[in-house]
């Protein structure tokens, strides 16, 4: 997919406030994958909620290798809440699945369905289950599993009362979103100009201190990700998605 095949940038594609549910695997996934877009939408008055499937308790590196999983989980909860606050996100929920072991099975699909029916979003943001490779190398299997489970929950289950009837007994009526925005994809069809909120994205990313060894270098790398038609002196930034509309 070339840039000239993408839809024109549409910073605000909606005429009224939307409820947006972000379904991803780990703390920091929303900020890395689409944090500038989320900050832009929040600034426009849209209501954004996170549903994160794990707490990232295996997110070890040379900077936090002595932390036990429970301690790391608690730290990443706090970091994610701080990052979400910077972006303007309304709520953050963790489903509590074990980091590194996600599979798109019926249990996970049902739990995601519950959150879709609970929040009743017009828009769902997730990631591409087909994306085996990412800019940093191999894509994490949890990312792919999260995207697959989210898409499988959206269709056909979330809007059909014959799927997971126990959810209706819990009080969660069927609901289907109007749009799905798939991030971290190699098949984008929509590009948003997020120059205005790129620095907000960076500030949110820097809250994930347990995952960042050298914050100055991370900020430098992120600022270097401007579009090819811009420069360091006059940068322009985009985030791209595969968007499905019903």
Protein backbone atom coordinates (compact mmCIF):
# COMPACT_ATOMS: atom_id res chain seq x y z
CA UNK A 1 0.00 0.00 0.00
CA UNK A 2 1.61 3.27 -1.13
CA UNK A 3 1.01 6.67 0.43
CA UNK A 4 -1.01 7.88 -2.55
CA UNK A 5 -3.47 5.02 -2.01
CA UNK A 6 -4.22 6.07 1.56
CA UNK A 7 -7.29 8.09 2.40
CA UNK A 8 -6.51 11.79 2.98
CA UNK A 9 -5.62 12.65 6.56
CA UNK A 10 -8.84 13.26 8.54
CA UNK A 11 -7.96 14.52 12.03
CA UNK A 12 -11.61 14.50 13.13
CA UNK A 13 -13.69 12.08 11.03
CA UNK A 14 -16.76 12.38 13.27
CA UNK A 15 -19.42 15.06 13.69
CA UNK A 16 -20.16 14.26 17.34
CA UNK A 17 -18.26 12.86 20.34
CA UNK A 18 -17.42 9.18 20.07
CA UNK A 19 -16.79 6.50 22.67
CA UNK A 20 -13.54 4.77 21.71
CA UNK A 21 -12.36 1.48 23.19
CA UNK A 22 -8.67 0.57 22.78
CA UNK A 23 -8.05 -3.19 23.03
CA UNK A 24 -4.36 -4.11 23.13
CA UNK A 25 -2.04 -6.53 24.91
CA UNK A 26 0.36 -4.60 27.17
CA UNK A 27 0.97 -1.34 28.98
CA UNK A 28 2.71 1.07 26.56
CA UNK A 29 1.16 -0.59 23.47
CA UNK A 30 -1.41 2.22 23.04
CA UNK A 31 1.24 4.91 23.35
CA UNK A 32 3.68 3.26 20.97
CA UNK A 33 1.12 2.15 18.39
CA UNK A 34 -1.15 5.19 18.21
CA UNK A 35 -0.59 7.52 21.17
CA UNK A 36 -0.59 10.72 19.12
CA UNK A 37 -3.91 9.78 17.52
CA UNK A 38 -5.45 9.03 20.91
CA UNK A 39 -4.21 12.35 22.27
CA UNK A 40 -5.67 14.13 19.24
CA UNK A 41 -9.04 12.44 19.65
CA UNK A 42 -9.13 13.17 23.38
CA UNK A 43 -8.39 16.84 22.70
CA UNK A 44 -11.39 16.89 20.35
CA UNK A 45 -13.73 15.69 23.08
CA UNK A 46 -13.95 11.97 22.33
CA UNK A 47 -14.15 9.55 25.27
CA UNK A 48 -11.31 7.00 25.23
CA UNK A 49 -11.09 3.85 27.34
CA UNK A 50 -8.29 1.29 27.49
CA UNK A 51 -8.81 -2.46 27.79
CA UNK A 52 -5.38 -4.02 28.22
CA UNK A 53 -5.25 -7.79 28.30
CA UNK A 54 -2.09 -8.21 30.42
CA UNK A 55 -0.10 -6.04 32.83
CA UNK A 56 3.18 -6.68 31.02
CA UNK A 57 4.69 -8.54 33.96
CA UNK A 58 7.32 -10.18 31.73
CA UNK A 59 8.53 -6.87 30.36
CA UNK A 60 12.03 -7.33 31.70
CA UNK A 61 15.19 -5.79 30.32
CA UNK A 62 18.62 -4.88 31.60
CA UNK A 63 17.13 -1.96 33.57
CA UNK A 64 14.59 -3.90 35.64
CA UNK A 65 15.87 -7.49 35.62
CA UNK A 66 15.85 -7.78 39.43
CA UNK A 67 12.15 -7.02 39.78
CA UNK A 68 9.82 -9.96 40.46
CA UNK A 69 6.81 -10.28 38.19
CA UNK A 70 4.30 -9.04 40.79
CA UNK A 71 6.30 -5.91 41.47
CA UNK A 72 6.77 -5.23 37.78
CA UNK A 73 3.04 -5.67 37.21
CA UNK A 74 2.22 -3.07 39.87
CA UNK A 75 4.78 -0.64 38.45
CA UNK A 76 3.41 -1.05 34.94
CA UNK A 77 -0.14 -0.45 36.16
CA UNK A 78 0.99 2.86 37.63
CA UNK A 79 3.03 3.80 34.56
CA UNK A 80 0.14 3.05 32.24
CA UNK A 81 -2.31 5.09 34.28
CA UNK A 82 0.11 8.03 34.28
CA UNK A 83 0.64 7.77 30.51
CA UNK A 84 -3.10 7.52 29.84
CA UNK A 85 -3.71 10.63 31.94
CA UNK A 86 -1.28 12.59 29.76
CA UNK A 87 -3.14 11.52 26.61
CA UNK A 88 -6.55 12.36 28.09
CA UNK A 89 -7.84 8.79 28.39
CA UNK A 90 -10.92 8.33 30.59
CA UNK A 91 -10.26 4.89 32.06
CA UNK A 92 -7.77 2.01 32.02
CA UNK A 93 -8.75 -1.59 32.70
CA UNK A 94 -6.51 -4.67 32.86
CA UNK A 95 -8.09 -8.07 32.17
CA UNK A 96 -5.30 -9.87 34.04
CA UNK A 97 -4.13 -12.43 31.50
CA UNK A 98 -0.55 -13.62 31.86
CA UNK A 99 1.96 -11.69 29.82
CA UNK A 100 3.51 -13.67 26.97
CA UNK A 101 0.88 -16.40 26.93
CA UNK A 102 -2.08 -14.81 25.14
CA UNK A 103 -3.96 -17.03 22.73
CA UNK A 104 -7.12 -15.96 20.87
CA UNK A 105 -9.32 -18.60 22.47
CA UNK A 106 -12.99 -18.48 23.42
CA UNK A 107 -12.30 -17.38 26.99
CA UNK A 108 -10.39 -14.30 25.85
CA UNK A 109 -12.96 -13.60 23.14
CA UNK A 110 -15.77 -13.72 25.72
CA UNK A 111 -13.91 -11.38 28.08
CA UNK A 112 -13.34 -8.87 25.30
CA UNK A 113 -16.97 -9.18 24.24
CA UNK A 114 -17.97 -8.29 27.78
CA UNK A 115 -15.92 -5.08 27.64
CA UNK A 116 -17.33 -4.15 24.22
CA UNK A 117 -20.87 -4.61 25.54
CA UNK A 118 -19.98 -2.77 28.77
CA UNK A 119 -18.51 0.33 27.08
CA UNK A 120 -20.68 0.22 23.90
CA UNK A 121 -18.09 2.08 21.79
CA UNK A 122 -18.75 3.49 18.36
CA UNK A 123 -15.04 2.98 17.59
CA UNK A 124 -12.65 0.18 18.56
CA UNK A 125 -8.87 0.43 18.20
CA UNK A 126 -6.78 -2.74 18.15
CA UNK A 127 -3.76 -4.08 16.23
CA UNK A 128 -3.16 -6.25 13.19
CA UNK A 129 -2.97 -10.01 13.90
CA UNK A 130 -1.39 -10.59 10.48
CA UNK A 131 1.62 -8.41 11.17
CA UNK A 132 4.38 -10.91 11.91
CA UNK A 133 7.11 -8.30 11.53
CA UNK A 134 7.39 -4.80 12.99
CA UNK A 135 9.88 -1.95 12.73
CA UNK A 136 11.82 -3.42 15.67
CA UNK A 137 11.94 -6.97 14.22
CA UNK A 138 9.57 -9.81 15.11
CA UNK A 139 6.20 -8.65 16.34
CA UNK A 140 5.32 -9.89 19.84
CA UNK A 141 2.96 -12.90 19.76
CA UNK A 142 0.75 -11.21 22.37
CA UNK A 143 0.18 -8.33 19.96
CA UNK A 144 -1.00 -10.70 17.24
CA UNK A 145 -3.16 -12.70 19.67
CA UNK A 146 -4.74 -9.52 21.05
CA UNK A 147 -5.62 -8.29 17.58
CA UNK A 148 -7.05 -11.65 16.57
CA UNK A 149 -9.13 -12.00 19.73
CA UNK A 150 -10.42 -8.43 19.47
CA UNK A 151 -11.47 -8.81 15.84
CA UNK A 152 -13.08 -12.19 16.55
CA UNK A 153 -14.97 -10.64 19.46
CA UNK A 154 -16.18 -7.71 17.37
CA UNK A 155 -17.51 -9.97 14.63
CA UNK A 156 -19.57 -11.97 14.86
CA UNK A 157 -19.91 -12.21 18.64
CA UNK A 158 -20.30 -8.80 20.30
CA UNK A 159 -23.44 -7.80 18.45
CA UNK A 160 -25.18 -11.18 18.45
CA UNK A 161 -27.06 -12.27 21.56
CA UNK A 162 -26.69 -15.93 20.61
CA UNK A 163 -22.96 -15.67 21.33
CA UNK A 164 -22.04 -15.88 25.01
CA UNK A 165 -25.61 -15.72 26.37
CA UNK A 166 -24.14 -15.60 29.87
CA UNK A 167 -23.10 -12.01 29.14
CA UNK A 168 -26.71 -11.00 28.57
CA UNK A 169 -27.61 -12.66 31.85
CA UNK A 170 -24.92 -10.49 33.44
CA UNK A 171 -26.70 -7.44 32.01
CA UNK A 172 -24.53 -6.79 28.96
CA UNK A 173 -26.69 -6.37 25.86
CA UNK A 174 -25.25 -7.05 22.38
CA UNK A 175 -23.39 -4.18 20.77
CA UNK A 176 -21.40 -3.68 17.56
CA UNK A 177 -19.08 -0.76 16.83
CA UNK A 178 -19.45 1.37 13.72
CA UNK A 179 -15.71 1.48 13.03
CA UNK A 180 -12.56 -0.54 13.71
CA UNK A 181 -9.16 1.16 13.58
CA UNK A 182 -6.36 -1.41 13.26
CA UNK A 183 -2.95 -0.10 14.30
CA UNK A 184 0.54 -1.58 13.83
CA UNK A 185 -0.47 -2.75 10.37
CA UNK A 186 1.39 -3.24 7.10
CA UNK A 187 -1.91 -2.76 5.23
CA UNK A 188 -2.97 0.81 6.10
CA UNK A 189 -5.71 2.64 4.25
CA UNK A 190 -5.91 5.73 6.48
CA UNK A 191 -3.26 8.19 7.58
CA UNK A 192 -3.74 10.87 10.23
CA UNK A 193 -1.56 13.95 10.59
CA UNK A 194 -0.67 13.92 14.28
CA UNK A 195 2.04 16.56 14.28
CA UNK A 196 0.12 18.61 16.86
CA UNK A 197 0.15 15.78 19.43
CA UNK A 198 3.47 14.06 18.69
CA UNK A 199 5.18 15.64 21.69
CA UNK A 200 2.25 14.53 23.86
CA UNK A 201 2.83 10.97 22.63
CA UNK A 202 6.49 11.23 23.61
CA UNK A 203 5.64 12.57 27.08
CA UNK A 204 3.24 9.67 27.59
CA UNK A 205 5.81 7.13 26.41
CA UNK A 206 8.35 8.50 28.87
CA UNK A 207 6.04 7.54 31.73
CA UNK A 208 6.86 3.88 31.00
CA UNK A 209 10.12 4.21 32.89
CA UNK A 210 10.50 0.50 33.64
CA UNK A 211 10.73 -0.17 29.90
CA UNK A 212 13.00 2.70 28.95
CA UNK A 213 16.69 2.75 29.78
CA UNK A 214 17.65 6.02 28.12
CA UNK A 215 14.67 8.36 27.85
CA UNK A 216 16.57 11.04 25.96
CA UNK A 217 17.50 8.58 23.23
CA UNK A 218 13.93 7.31 22.99
CA UNK A 219 12.66 10.86 22.56
CA UNK A 220 15.32 11.48 19.93
CA UNK A 221 14.31 8.34 18.01
CA UNK A 222 10.65 9.28 18.15
CA UNK A 223 11.31 12.81 16.90
CA UNK A 224 13.28 11.33 13.99
CA UNK A 225 10.18 9.45 12.79
CA UNK A 226 8.85 12.41 10.84
CA UNK A 227 7.47 11.94 7.36
CA UNK A 228 9.84 11.84 4.40
CA UNK A 229 8.42 15.09 3.04
CA UNK A 230 9.40 17.00 6.21
CA UNK A 231 12.63 17.90 7.97
CA UNK A 232 14.07 18.04 11.48
CA UNK A 233 13.46 21.80 11.44
CA UNK A 234 9.85 21.48 10.22
CA UNK A 235 8.76 17.94 11.09
CA UNK A 236 5.41 16.40 10.27
CA UNK A 237 4.20 13.17 11.85
CA UNK A 238 1.59 10.60 10.86
CA UNK A 239 0.01 7.49 12.33
CA UNK A 240 -1.50 4.94 9.96
CA UNK A 241 -4.35 2.47 10.33
CA UNK A 242 -6.43 -0.10 8.51
CA UNK A 243 -9.92 1.29 9.06
CA UNK A 244 -13.09 -0.76 8.64
CA UNK A 245 -16.45 1.06 8.62
CA UNK A 246 -19.90 -0.51 8.79
